[in-house]
C-alpha atoms as a PDB file:
ATOM      1  CA  UNK A   1     -33.687  10.148   5.973  1.00  0.00           C
ATOM      2  CA  UNK A   2     -31.511   8.612   3.273  1.00  0.00           C
ATOM      3  CA  UNK A   3     -27.980   7.857   4.474  1.00  0.00           C
ATOM      4  CA  UNK A   4     -25.008   6.618   2.475  1.00  0.00           C
ATOM      5  CA  UNK A   5     -22.418   4.763   4.542  1.00  0.00           C
ATOM      6  CA  UNK A   6     -18.986   4.506   2.902  1.00  0.00           C
ATOM      7  CA  UNK A   7     -17.023   1.767   4.643  1.00  0.00           C
ATOM      8  CA  UNK A   8     -15.399  -1.671   4.269  1.00  0.00           C
ATOM      9  CA  UNK A   9     -18.244  -4.169   3.879  1.00  0.00           C
ATOM     10  CA  UNK A  10     -16.075  -7.026   5.170  1.00  0.00           C
ATOM     11  CA  UNK A  11     -15.967  -5.522   8.677  1.00  0.00           C
ATOM     12  CA  UNK A  12     -18.406  -6.646  11.370  1.00  0.00           C
ATOM     13  CA  UNK A  13     -18.326  -3.052  12.658  1.00  0.00           C
ATOM     14  CA  UNK A  14     -19.845  -1.925   9.345  1.00  0.00           C
ATOM     15  CA  UNK A  15     -22.467  -4.691   9.541  1.00  0.00           C
ATOM     16  CA  UNK A  16     -23.531  -3.619  13.028  1.00  0.00           C
ATOM     17  CA  UNK A  17     -23.529   0.075  12.114  1.00  0.00           C
ATOM     18  CA  UNK A  18     -25.695  -0.312   9.003  1.00  0.00           C
ATOM     19  CA  UNK A  19     -28.101  -2.715  10.710  1.00  0.00           C
ATOM     20  CA  UNK A  20     -28.671  -0.362  13.640  1.00  0.00           C
ATOM     21  CA  UNK A  21     -29.391   2.578  11.327  1.00  0.00           C
ATOM     22  CA  UNK A  22     -31.810   0.389   9.371  1.00  0.00           C
ATOM     23  CA  UNK A  23     -33.501  -0.735  12.602  1.00  0.00           C
ATOM     24  CA  UNK A  24     -34.018   2.922  13.486  1.00  0.00           C
ATOM     25  CA  UNK A  25     -35.884   3.591  10.256  1.00  0.00           C
ATOM     26  CA  UNK A  26     -33.187   5.146   8.048  1.00  0.00           C
ATOM     27  CA  UNK A  27     -32.859   4.269   4.365  1.00  0.00           C
ATOM     28  CA  UNK A  28     -29.311   2.909   4.283  1.00  0.00           C
ATOM     29  CA  UNK A  29     -27.081   2.374   1.259  1.00  0.00           C
ATOM     30  CA  UNK A  30     -23.570   1.001   1.770  1.00  0.00           C
ATOM     31  CA  UNK A  31     -20.963   2.007  -0.822  1.00  0.00           C
ATOM     32  CA  UNK A  32     -17.840  -0.132  -0.573  1.00  0.00           C
ATOM     33  CA  UNK A  33     -14.674  -1.286  -2.321  1.00  0.00           C
ATOM     34  CA  UNK A  34     -14.406  -4.281   0.039  1.00  0.00           C
ATOM     35  CA  UNK A  35     -16.296  -7.417  -0.924  1.00  0.00           C
ATOM     36  CA  UNK A  36     -18.937  -8.310   1.687  1.00  0.00           C
ATOM     37  CA  UNK A  37     -18.147 -11.583   3.432  1.00  0.00           C
ATOM     38  CA  UNK A  38     -20.941 -11.552   5.992  1.00  0.00           C
ATOM     39  CA  UNK A  39     -24.567 -12.455   5.273  1.00  0.00           C
ATOM     40  CA  UNK A  40     -25.708 -10.614   8.402  1.00  0.00           C
ATOM     41  CA  UNK A  41     -26.802  -7.362   6.722  1.00  0.00           C
ATOM     42  CA  UNK A  42     -30.502  -6.536   7.072  1.00  0.00           C
ATOM     43  CA  UNK A  43     -32.522  -7.147   3.898  1.00  0.00           C
ATOM     44  CA  UNK A  44     -33.447  -3.470   3.512  1.00  0.00           C
ATOM     45  CA  UNK A  45     -29.812  -2.359   3.212  1.00  0.00           C
ATOM     46  CA  UNK A  46     -28.645  -1.690  -0.339  1.00  0.00           C
ATOM     47  CA  UNK A  47     -24.996  -2.618  -0.950  1.00  0.00           C
ATOM     48  CA  UNK A  48     -23.122  -1.024  -3.850  1.00  0.00           C
ATOM     49  CA  UNK A  49     -19.868  -2.933  -4.288  1.00  0.00           C
ATOM     50  CA  UNK A  50     -17.062  -1.922  -6.662  1.00  0.00           C
ATOM     51  CA  UNK A  51     -14.073  -4.232  -6.909  1.00  0.00           C
ATOM     52  CA  UNK A  52     -10.863  -3.092  -5.211  1.00  0.00           C
ATOM     53  CA  UNK A  53      -7.761  -3.704  -7.321  1.00  0.00           C
ATOM     54  CA  UNK A  54      -5.177  -2.158  -4.974  1.00  0.00           C
ATOM     55  CA  UNK A  55      -5.219  -0.731  -1.414  1.00  0.00           C
ATOM     56  CA  UNK A  56      -7.586   2.230  -1.196  1.00  0.00           C
ATOM     57  CA  UNK A  57      -5.043   4.286   0.747  1.00  0.00           C
ATOM     58  CA  UNK A  58      -3.012   4.340  -2.507  1.00  0.00           C
ATOM     59  CA  UNK A  59      -5.396   6.768  -4.160  1.00  0.00           C
ATOM     60  CA  UNK A  60      -6.277   6.057  -7.778  1.00  0.00           C
ATOM     61  CA  UNK A  61      -8.511   7.761 -10.393  1.00  0.00           C
ATOM     62  CA  UNK A  62     -10.424   4.450 -10.525  1.00  0.00           C
ATOM     63  CA  UNK A  63     -11.800   4.968  -7.013  1.00  0.00           C
ATOM     64  CA  UNK A  64     -12.565   8.610  -7.725  1.00  0.00           C
ATOM     65  CA  UNK A  65     -14.496   7.834 -10.930  1.00  0.00           C
ATOM     66  CA  UNK A  66     -16.458   4.970  -9.347  1.00  0.00           C
ATOM     67  CA  UNK A  67     -17.613   7.152  -6.469  1.00  0.00           C
ATOM     68  CA  UNK A  68     -18.239  10.129  -8.784  1.00  0.00           C
ATOM     69  CA  UNK A  69     -20.609   8.037 -10.911  1.00  0.00           C
ATOM     70  CA  UNK A  70     -22.322   6.822  -7.752  1.00  0.00           C
ATOM     71  CA  UNK A  71     -22.717  10.426  -6.546  1.00  0.00           C
ATOM     72  CA  UNK A  72     -24.230  11.551  -9.853  1.00  0.00           C
ATOM     73  CA  UNK A  73     -26.755   8.696  -9.984  1.00  0.00           C
ATOM     74  CA  UNK A  74     -27.865   8.675  -6.316  1.00  0.00           C
ATOM     75  CA  UNK A  75     -29.152  11.321  -3.921  1.00  0.00           C
ATOM     76  CA  UNK A  76     -28.705  11.201  -0.152  1.00  0.00           C
ATOM     77  CA  UNK A  77     -29.408  13.485   2.772  1.00  0.00           C
ATOM     78  CA  UNK A  78     -26.175  12.594   4.521  1.00  0.00           C
ATOM     79  CA  UNK A  79     -22.905  10.751   3.893  1.00  0.00           C
ATOM     80  CA  UNK A  80     -20.988   8.918   6.634  1.00  0.00           C
ATOM     81  CA  UNK A  81     -17.498   7.653   5.736  1.00  0.00           C
ATOM     82  CA  UNK A  82     -15.544   5.295   7.988  1.00  0.00           C
ATOM     83  CA  UNK A  83     -11.711   5.499   7.964  1.00  0.00           C
ATOM     84  CA  UNK A  84     -10.046   8.877   7.551  1.00  0.00           C
ATOM     85  CA  UNK A  85      -7.506   8.300   4.767  1.00  0.00           C
ATOM     86  CA  UNK A  86      -9.492   5.894   2.592  1.00  0.00           C
ATOM     87  CA  UNK A  87     -13.252   6.428   2.329  1.00  0.00           C
ATOM     88  CA  UNK A  88     -12.957   9.751   4.154  1.00  0.00           C
ATOM     89  CA  UNK A  89     -10.410  11.113   1.689  1.00  0.00           C
ATOM     90  CA  UNK A  90     -12.239   9.993  -1.464  1.00  0.00           C
ATOM     91  CA  UNK A  91     -15.512  11.433  -0.128  1.00  0.00           C
ATOM     92  CA  UNK A  92     -13.809  14.749   0.635  1.00  0.00           C
ATOM     93  CA  UNK A  93     -12.349  15.049  -2.883  1.00  0.00           C
ATOM     94  CA  UNK A  94     -15.858  14.667  -4.310  1.00  0.00           C
ATOM     95  CA  UNK A  95     -17.077  17.369  -1.936  1.00  0.00           C
ATOM     96  CA  UNK A  96     -19.960  15.225  -0.688  1.00  0.00           C
ATOM     97  CA  UNK A  97     -22.421  17.396   1.200  1.00  0.00           C
ATOM     98  CA  UNK A  98     -23.265  16.773   4.873  1.00  0.00           C
ATOM     99  CA  UNK A  99     -20.196  14.527   5.231  1.00  0.00           C
ATOM    100  CA  UNK A 100     -19.240  12.903   8.532  1.00  0.00           C
ATOM    101  CA  UNK A 101     -15.985  10.947   8.836  1.00  0.00           C
ATOM    102  CA  UNK A 102     -15.246   8.386  11.563  1.00  0.00           C
ATOM    103  CA  UNK A 103     -11.656   7.744  12.685  1.00  0.00           C
ATOM    104  CA  UNK A 104     -11.033   4.099  13.536  1.00  0.00           C
ATOM    105  CA  UNK A 105      -7.903   4.636  15.646  1.00  0.00           C
ATOM    106  CA  UNK A 106      -4.655   4.198  13.735  1.00  0.00           C
ATOM    107  CA  UNK A 107      -5.772   6.628  11.007  1.00  0.00           C
ATOM    108  CA  UNK A 108      -5.765   9.557  13.447  1.00  0.00           C
ATOM    109  CA  UNK A 109      -2.753   8.084  15.249  1.00  0.00           C
ATOM    110  CA  UNK A 110       0.222   6.449  13.569  1.00  0.00           C
ATOM    111  CA  UNK A 111      -0.660   7.148   9.939  1.00  0.00           C
ATOM    112  CA  UNK A 112      -1.407  10.828  10.458  1.00  0.00           C
ATOM    113  CA  UNK A 113       2.134  11.537  11.636  1.00  0.00           C
ATOM    114  CA  UNK A 114       3.530  10.580   8.227  1.00  0.00           C
ATOM    115  CA  UNK A 115       4.192  13.666   6.035  1.00  0.00           C
ATOM    116  CA  UNK A 116       2.215  12.274   3.076  1.00  0.00           C
ATOM    117  CA  UNK A 117      -0.908  12.126   5.237  1.00  0.00           C
ATOM    118  CA  UNK A 118      -0.617  15.590   6.772  1.00  0.00           C
ATOM    119  CA  UNK A 119      -1.826  17.387   3.620  1.00  0.00           C
ATOM    120  CA  UNK A 120      -4.645  14.860   3.349  1.00  0.00           C
ATOM    121  CA  UNK A 121      -5.719  15.589   6.924  1.00  0.00           C
ATOM    122  CA  UNK A 122      -5.997  19.347   6.407  1.00  0.00           C
ATOM    123  CA  UNK A 123      -7.942  18.859   3.167  1.00  0.00           C
ATOM    124  CA  UNK A 124     -10.396  16.409   4.772  1.00  0.00           C
ATOM    125  CA  UNK A 125     -10.922  18.614   7.835  1.00  0.00           C
ATOM    126  CA  UNK A 126     -11.945  21.527   5.592  1.00  0.00           C
ATOM    127  CA  UNK A 127     -14.559  19.475   3.758  1.00  0.00           C
ATOM    128  CA  UNK A 128     -16.327  17.604   6.574  1.00  0.00           C
ATOM    129  CA  UNK A 129     -19.164  18.618   8.887  1.00  0.00           C
ATOM    130  CA  UNK A 130     -18.043  16.397  11.767  1.00  0.00           C
ATOM    131  CA  UNK A 131     -15.121  14.143  12.672  1.00  0.00           C
ATOM    132  CA  UNK A 132     -15.919  11.212  14.975  1.00  0.00           C
ATOM    133  CA  UNK A 133     -13.126  10.032  17.284  1.00  0.00           C
ATOM    134  CA  UNK A 134     -12.925   7.350  20.005  1.00  0.00           C
ATOM    135  CA  UNK A 135     -11.847   9.343  23.058  1.00  0.00           C
ATOM    136  CA  UNK A 136     -10.352  12.570  24.438  1.00  0.00           C
ATOM    137  CA  UNK A 137      -6.838  11.481  23.427  1.00  0.00           C
ATOM    138  CA  UNK A 138      -7.891  11.082  19.787  1.00  0.00           C
ATOM    139  CA  UNK A 139      -9.695  14.434  19.989  1.00  0.00           C
ATOM    140  CA  UNK A 140      -6.500  16.179  21.092  1.00  0.00           C
ATOM    141  CA  UNK A 141      -4.547  14.493  18.298  1.00  0.00           C
ATOM    142  CA  UNK A 142      -7.116  15.690  15.759  1.00  0.00           C
ATOM    143  CA  UNK A 143      -6.844  19.245  17.095  1.00  0.00           C
ATOM    144  CA  UNK A 144      -3.040  19.066  16.897  1.00  0.00           C
ATOM    145  CA  UNK A 145      -3.357  17.892  13.280  1.00  0.00           C
ATOM    146  CA  UNK A 146      -5.458  20.944  12.414  1.00  0.00           C
ATOM    147  CA  UNK A 147      -9.101  19.900  12.832  1.00  0.00           C
ATOM    148  CA  UNK A 148     -11.291  22.688  14.311  1.00  0.00           C
ATOM    149  CA  UNK A 149     -12.476  21.644  17.758  1.00  0.00           C
ATOM    150  CA  UNK A 150     -16.133  22.459  16.997  1.00  0.00           C
ATOM    151  CA  UNK A 151     -16.127  19.761  14.292  1.00  0.00           C
ATOM    152  CA  UNK A 152     -14.926  16.956  16.595  1.00  0.00           C
ATOM    153  CA  UNK A 153     -17.398  14.550  18.233  1.00  0.00           C
ATOM    154  CA  UNK A 154     -16.303  11.880  20.715  1.00  0.00           C
ATOM    155  CA  UNK A 155     -18.177   8.648  19.988  1.00  0.00           C
ATOM    156  CA  UNK A 156     -16.841   5.590  21.826  1.00  0.00           C
ATOM    157  CA  UNK A 157     -17.196   1.979  20.748  1.00  0.00           C
ATOM    158  CA  UNK A 158     -20.419   0.340  21.879  1.00  0.00           C
ATOM    159  CA  UNK A 159     -21.849  -3.014  22.937  1.00  0.00           C
ATOM    160  CA  UNK A 160     -25.306  -4.531  22.548  1.00  0.00           C
ATOM    161  CA  UNK A 161     -26.039  -5.435  26.181  1.00  0.00           C
ATOM    162  CA  UNK A 162     -29.189  -7.340  25.166  1.00  0.00           C
ATOM    163  CA  UNK A 163     -26.942  -9.918  23.464  1.00  0.00           C
ATOM    164  CA  UNK A 164     -23.799  -9.679  25.584  1.00  0.00           C
ATOM    165  CA  UNK A 165     -24.860 -10.194  29.186  1.00  0.00           C
ATOM    166  CA  UNK A 166     -23.838 -12.055  32.331  1.00  0.00           C
ATOM    167  CA  UNK A 167     -25.510 -15.327  33.280  1.00  0.00           C
ATOM    168  CA  UNK A 168     -27.057 -15.224  36.763  1.00  0.00           C
ATOM    169  CA  UNK A 169     -26.079 -18.864  37.367  1.00  0.00           C
ATOM    170  CA  UNK A 170     -22.959 -19.816  35.462  1.00  0.00           C
ATOM    171  CA  UNK A 171     -21.733 -23.416  35.495  1.00  0.00           C
ATOM    172  CA  UNK A 172     -18.215 -23.529  36.881  1.00  0.00           C
ATOM    173  CA  UNK A 173     -15.700 -24.740  34.303  1.00  0.00           C
ATOM    174  CA  UNK A 174     -13.517 -27.741  35.137  1.00  0.00           C
ATOM    175  CA  UNK A 175     -10.630 -25.936  33.461  1.00  0.00           C
ATOM    176  CA  UNK A 176      -9.851 -22.214  33.428  1.00  0.00           C
ATOM    177  CA  UNK A 177     -10.861 -21.031  29.956  1.00  0.00           C
ATOM    178  CA  UNK A 178      -8.920 -18.084  28.536  1.00  0.00           C
ATOM    179  CA  UNK A 179     -10.043 -16.506  25.249  1.00  0.00           C
ATOM    180  CA  UNK A 180      -7.763 -14.663  22.805  1.00  0.00           C
ATOM    181  CA  UNK A 181      -9.419 -13.188  19.695  1.00  0.00           C
ATOM    182  CA  UNK A 182      -6.456 -11.123  18.505  1.00  0.00           C
ATOM    183  CA  UNK A 183      -3.405 -13.346  18.182  1.00  0.00           C
ATOM    184  CA  UNK A 184      -0.846 -11.671  15.937  1.00  0.00           C
ATOM    185  CA  UNK A 185      -0.770  -8.029  14.922  1.00  0.00           C
ATOM    186  CA  UNK A 186       2.221  -7.326  12.710  1.00  0.00           C
ATOM    187  CA  UNK A 187       1.035  -3.755  12.257  1.00  0.00           C
ATOM    188  CA  UNK A 188       1.878  -3.084  15.900  1.00  0.00           C
ATOM    189  CA  UNK A 189       4.771  -5.596  16.056  1.00  0.00           C
ATOM    190  CA  UNK A 190       2.916  -8.203  18.078  1.00  0.00           C
ATOM    191  CA  UNK A 191       4.613 -11.417  16.973  1.00  0.00           C
ATOM    192  CA  UNK A 192       4.174 -15.142  17.448  1.00  0.00           C
ATOM    193  CA  UNK A 193       7.131 -15.129  19.855  1.00  0.00           C
ATOM    194  CA  UNK A 194       5.441 -12.582  22.119  1.00  0.00           C
ATOM    195  CA  UNK A 195       2.181 -14.512  22.017  1.00  0.00           C
ATOM    196  CA  UNK A 196       3.967 -17.737  22.954  1.00  0.00           C
ATOM    197  CA  UNK A 197       5.573 -15.925  25.882  1.00  0.00           C
ATOM    198  CA  UNK A 198       2.167 -14.732  27.150  1.00  0.00           C
ATOM    199  CA  UNK A 199       0.582 -18.170  26.796  1.00  0.00           C
ATOM    200  CA  UNK A 200       3.523 -19.861  28.524  1.00  0.00           C
ATOM    201  CA  UNK A 201       3.217 -17.501  31.530  1.00  0.00           C
ATOM    202  CA  UNK A 202      -0.515 -18.207  31.859  1.00  0.00           C
ATOM    203  CA  UNK A 203      -0.054 -21.985  31.770  1.00  0.00           C
ATOM    204  CA  UNK A 204       2.877 -21.907  34.224  1.00  0.00           C
ATOM    205  CA  UNK A 205       0.635 -20.127  36.750  1.00  0.00           C
ATOM    206  CA  UNK A 206      -2.450 -22.249  35.969  1.00  0.00           C
ATOM    207  CA  UNK A 207      -1.658 -25.804  34.882  1.00  0.00           C
ATOM    208  CA  UNK A 208      -5.344 -26.453  34.167  1.00  0.00           C
ATOM    209  CA  UNK A 209      -5.761 -23.447  31.880  1.00  0.00           C
ATOM    210  CA  UNK A 210      -7.090 -24.025  28.374  1.00  0.00           C
ATOM    211  CA  UNK A 211      -6.205 -21.292  25.876  1.00  0.00           C
ATOM    212  CA  UNK A 212      -8.711 -20.629  23.075  1.00  0.00           C
ATOM    213  CA  UNK A 213      -7.199 -18.921  20.031  1.00  0.00           C
ATOM    214  CA  UNK A 214      -8.992 -17.700  16.914  1.00  0.00           C
ATOM    215  CA  UNK A 215      -7.528 -18.445  13.505  1.00  0.00           C
ATOM    216  CA  UNK A 216      -6.801 -15.239  11.558  1.00  0.00           C
ATOM    217  CA  UNK A 217      -5.858 -15.397   7.883  1.00  0.00           C
ATOM    218  CA  UNK A 218      -2.547 -17.235   7.501  1.00  0.00           C
ATOM    219  CA  UNK A 219      -0.841 -15.517  10.447  1.00  0.00           C
ATOM    220  CA  UNK A 220      -2.127 -18.058  12.970  1.00  0.00           C
ATOM    221  CA  UNK A 221      -0.008 -20.803  11.352  1.00  0.00           C
ATOM    222  CA  UNK A 222       3.202 -19.115  12.488  1.00  0.00           C
ATOM    223  CA  UNK A 223       2.017 -19.239  16.109  1.00  0.00           C
ATOM    224  CA  UNK A 224       0.734 -22.808  15.716  1.00  0.00           C
ATOM    225  CA  UNK A 225       4.176 -23.927  14.554  1.00  0.00           C
ATOM    226  CA  UNK A 226       5.773 -22.344  17.625  1.00  0.00           C
ATOM    227  CA  UNK A 227       3.223 -24.062  19.882  1.00  0.00           C
ATOM    228  CA  UNK A 228       4.012 -27.484  18.391  1.00  0.00           C
ATOM    229  CA  UNK A 229       7.722 -26.841  18.996  1.00  0.00           C
ATOM    230  CA  UNK A 230       6.958 -26.123  22.660  1.00  0.00           C
ATOM    231  CA  UNK A 231       5.237 -28.291  25.272  1.00  0.00           C
ATOM    232  CA  UNK A 232       2.011 -26.244  25.257  1.00  0.00           C
ATOM    233  CA  UNK A 233       0.067 -28.053  22.563  1.00  0.00           C
ATOM    234  CA  UNK A 234      -2.231 -29.906  25.009  1.00  0.00           C
ATOM    235  CA  UNK A 235      -3.413 -26.600  26.479  1.00  0.00           C
ATOM    236  CA  UNK A 236      -4.414 -24.996  23.174  1.00  0.00           C
ATOM    237  CA  UNK A 237      -7.715 -25.052  21.285  1.00  0.00           C
ATOM    238  CA  UNK A 238      -7.909 -23.365  17.885  1.00  0.00           C
ATOM    239  CA  UNK A 239     -11.256 -21.775  16.960  1.00  0.00           C
ATOM    240  CA  UNK A 240     -12.432 -21.300  13.405  1.00  0.00           C
ATOM    241  CA  UNK A 241     -13.453 -17.741  12.402  1.00  0.00           C
ATOM    242  CA  UNK A 242     -16.540 -16.867  14.446  1.00  0.00           C
ATOM    243  CA  UNK A 243     -19.650 -15.122  13.166  1.00  0.00           C
ATOM    244  CA  UNK A 244     -20.503 -12.200  15.407  1.00  0.00           C
ATOM    245  CA  UNK A 245     -23.950 -13.548  16.304  1.00  0.00           C
ATOM    246  CA  UNK A 246     -22.233 -16.661  17.772  1.00  0.00           C
ATOM    247  CA  UNK A 247     -19.801 -14.635  19.885  1.00  0.00           C
ATOM    248  CA  UNK A 248     -22.074 -13.937  22.931  1.00  0.00           C
ATOM    249  CA  UNK A 249     -22.556 -17.655  23.640  1.00  0.00           C
ATOM    250  CA  UNK A 250     -18.823 -18.328  23.243  1.00  0.00           C
ATOM    251  CA  UNK A 251     -17.891 -15.503  25.611  1.00  0.00           C
ATOM    252  CA  UNK A 252     -20.328 -16.622  28.296  1.00  0.00           C
ATOM    253  CA  UNK A 253     -18.632 -20.037  28.321  1.00  0.00           C
ATOM    254  CA  UNK A 254     -15.220 -18.474  29.092  1.00  0.00           C
ATOM    255  CA  UNK A 255     -13.583 -17.266  32.320  1.00  0.00           C
ATOM    256  CA  UNK A 256     -11.059 -14.724  31.040  1.00  0.00           C
ATOM    257  CA  UNK A 257     -10.619 -12.530  27.980  1.00  0.00           C
ATOM    258  CA  UNK A 258      -7.049 -11.536  27.138  1.00  0.00           C
ATOM    259  CA  UNK A 259      -6.517  -8.520  24.875  1.00  0.00           C
ATOM    260  CA  UNK A 260      -3.065  -8.286  23.252  1.00  0.00           C
ATOM    261  CA  UNK A 261      -3.679  -5.031  21.348  1.00  0.00           C
ATOM    262  CA  UNK A 262      -0.901  -2.498  21.765  1.00  0.00           C
ATOM    263  CA  UNK A 263      -0.173   0.762  19.996  1.00  0.00           C
ATOM    264  CA  UNK A 264       2.603   3.355  20.244  1.00  0.00           C
ATOM    265  CA  UNK A 265       0.007   6.167  20.216  1.00  0.00           C
ATOM    266  CA  UNK A 266      -3.094   7.040  22.230  1.00  0.00           C
ATOM    267  CA  UNK A 267      -6.571   7.475  20.804  1.00  0.00           C
ATOM    268  CA  UNK A 268      -7.786   3.959  20.033  1.00  0.00           C
ATOM    269  CA  UNK A 269     -10.224   3.925  22.944  1.00  0.00           C
ATOM    270  CA  UNK A 270     -11.555   0.666  24.321  1.00  0.00           C
ATOM    271  CA  UNK A 271     -12.145  -1.885  21.572  1.00  0.00           C
ATOM    272  CA  UNK A 272     -15.584  -3.321  20.887  1.00  0.00           C
ATOM    273  CA  UNK A 273     -14.543  -6.890  21.732  1.00  0.00           C
ATOM    274  CA  UNK A 274     -13.278  -5.794  25.146  1.00  0.00           C
ATOM    275  CA  UNK A 275     -16.609  -4.118  25.859  1.00  0.00           C
ATOM    276  CA  UNK A 276     -18.447  -7.269  24.785  1.00  0.00           C
ATOM    277  CA  UNK A 277     -16.268  -9.403  27.061  1.00  0.00           C
ATOM    278  CA  UNK A 278     -16.877  -7.120  30.058  1.00  0.00           C
ATOM    279  CA  UNK A 279     -20.628  -7.097  29.390  1.00  0.00           C
ATOM    280  CA  UNK A 280     -20.515 -10.921  29.298  1.00  0.00           C
ATOM    281  CA  UNK A 281     -19.008 -11.052  32.786  1.00  0.00           C
ATOM    282  CA  UNK A 282     -15.483 -12.183  31.880  1.00  0.00           C
ATOM    283  CA  UNK A 283     -12.395 -11.157  33.790  1.00  0.00           C
ATOM    284  CA  UNK A 284     -10.607  -8.980  31.246  1.00  0.00           C
ATOM    285  CA  UNK A 285      -6.856  -8.548  31.003  1.00  0.00           C
ATOM    286  CA  UNK A 286      -5.663  -5.769  28.743  1.00  0.00           C
ATOM    287  CA  UNK A 287      -2.398  -3.853  28.278  1.00  0.00           C
ATOM    288  CA  UNK A 288      -1.535  -0.779  30.331  1.00  0.00           C
ATOM    289  CA  UNK A 289      -2.800   2.130  28.249  1.00  0.00           C
ATOM    290  CA  UNK A 290      -3.817   5.528  29.697  1.00  0.00           C
ATOM    291  CA  UNK A 291      -7.092   5.590  27.742  1.00  0.00           C
ATOM    292  CA  UNK A 292      -8.225   2.412  29.534  1.00  0.00           C
ATOM    293  CA  UNK A 293      -7.872   3.912  33.006  1.00  0.00           C
ATOM    294  CA  UNK A 294     -11.625   4.083  33.706  1.00  0.00           C
ATOM    295  CA  UNK A 295     -11.886   0.277  33.367  1.00  0.00           C
ATOM    296  CA  UNK A 296      -9.117  -0.540  35.843  1.00  0.00           C
ATOM    297  CA  UNK A 297      -9.694  -1.745  39.422  1.00  0.00           C
ATOM    298  CA  UNK A 298     -13.417  -2.337  38.929  1.00  0.00           C
ATOM    299  CA  UNK A 299     -15.360  -5.453  39.844  1.00  0.00           C
ATOM    300  CA  UNK A 300     -17.145  -7.469  37.168  1.00  0.00           C
ATOM    301  CA  UNK A 301     -20.462  -6.082  38.427  1.00  0.00           C
ATOM    302  CA  UNK A 302     -19.205  -2.491  38.221  1.00  0.00           C
ATOM    303  CA  UNK A 303     -17.950  -3.062  34.671  1.00  0.00           C
ATOM    304  CA  UNK A 304     -21.274  -4.585  33.644  1.00  0.00           C
ATOM    305  CA  UNK A 305     -23.120  -1.554  35.048  1.00  0.00           C
ATOM    306  CA  UNK A 306     -20.719   0.747  33.186  1.00  0.00           C
ATOM    307  CA  UNK A 307     -21.499  -1.061  29.920  1.00  0.00           C
ATOM    308  CA  UNK A 308     -25.231  -0.542  30.431  1.00  0.00           C
ATOM    309  CA  UNK A 309     -24.929   3.057  31.634  1.00  0.00           C
ATOM    310  CA  UNK A 310     -22.381   4.469  29.162  1.00  0.00           C
ATOM    311  CA  UNK A 311     -21.421   2.066  26.368  1.00  0.00           C
ATOM    312  CA  UNK A 312     -24.731   0.441  25.509  1.00  0.00           C
ATOM    313  CA  UNK A 313     -25.578   0.557  21.794  1.00  0.00           C
ATOM    314  CA  UNK A 314     -28.851   2.426  22.349  1.00  0.00           C
ATOM    315  CA  UNK A 315     -27.194   5.233  24.325  1.00  0.00           C
ATOM    316  CA  UNK A 316     -24.379   5.661  21.784  1.00  0.00           C
ATOM    317  CA  UNK A 317     -26.716   5.660  18.755  1.00  0.00           C
ATOM    318  CA  UNK A 318     -29.063   8.164  20.398  1.00  0.00           C
ATOM    319  CA  UNK A 319     -26.061  10.504  20.394  1.00  0.00           C
ATOM    320  CA  UNK A 320     -25.266   9.601  16.776  1.00  0.00           C
ATOM    321  CA  UNK A 321     -28.809  10.547  15.738  1.00  0.00           C
ATOM    322  CA  UNK A 322     -28.442  13.940  17.415  1.00  0.00           C
ATOM    323  CA  UNK A 323     -25.230  14.474  15.445  1.00  0.00           C
ATOM    324  CA  UNK A 324     -27.034  13.559  12.219  1.00  0.00           C
ATOM    325  CA  UNK A 325     -29.820  16.052  12.952  1.00  0.00           C
ATOM    326  CA  UNK A 326     -27.299  18.783  13.750  1.00  0.00           C
ATOM    327  CA  UNK A 327     -25.407  18.011  10.546  1.00  0.00           C
ATOM    328  CA  UNK A 328     -28.544  18.502   8.443  1.00  0.00           C
ATOM    329  CA  UNK A 329     -29.512  21.683  10.280  1.00  0.00           C
ATOM    330  CA  UNK A 330     -26.152  23.243   9.400  1.00  0.00           C
ATOM    331  CA  UNK A 331     -26.595  22.794   5.644  1.00  0.00           C
END
């Protein structure tokens, strides 16, 4: 089967998605307006990159014509677009056959409530075969926005439990190691001041805690400046951007994973990094959100078993393949 994935090539989620399809024997072509920055794509995957000159959500004839030419010169059995209002919208305008669109979270949440997106939603829902969402909350939001229930498929995030696993004999750390991979999220009003507050509380309770923070773009500098102004600098270690294949080893060396992601709406599900941290045997601390209820009050062993039983990559992609087959049968 020949599949065209339309998604941002600079996302590790896209890398993992395309690689898994390739590993399962599909002929995968990735069409993208985002320049690839990872060299982790399998060799068999064909990447068609067209330069982005302004945000894709601000629709332009340029994007339409680029994808139209691609459609006319390539034939696929199935198209799978990631992100509702960008790749999903452009694909819908071109009336791509056997089209599946995946919602990443905020696109079915915050953005969809804006009037300018409501017409887009209804148009996309008419054109697609299936709409993938993260959880039951996102499904209900999609229904409220006008998507027919029979088109909605719940597909949670997933984790490769062969790479992210718990060590049977873990060397006890001299210091308590706490890992943050999301530091500042201006989109959801998570600021450097809030982050400093969180870090200060952790260190006050555990004087021997070492906080590991990942540098993100230029935003991390704002937090770093605040740290230098405080008395916390000796408890902080900054990590350079981490390739995904190096993440399992890093996580297994930690004690805690702290997730700072917050959102004013439901439907984001449990993030991939959280699942990876739980599979690696870390104590995970995440915000109070109703969609995370099933992960609360469970031991590390119970969470690990849940990862293997429900969120393992193989189980999730077996369901994706069934959706693909159903999509083709309904042509």
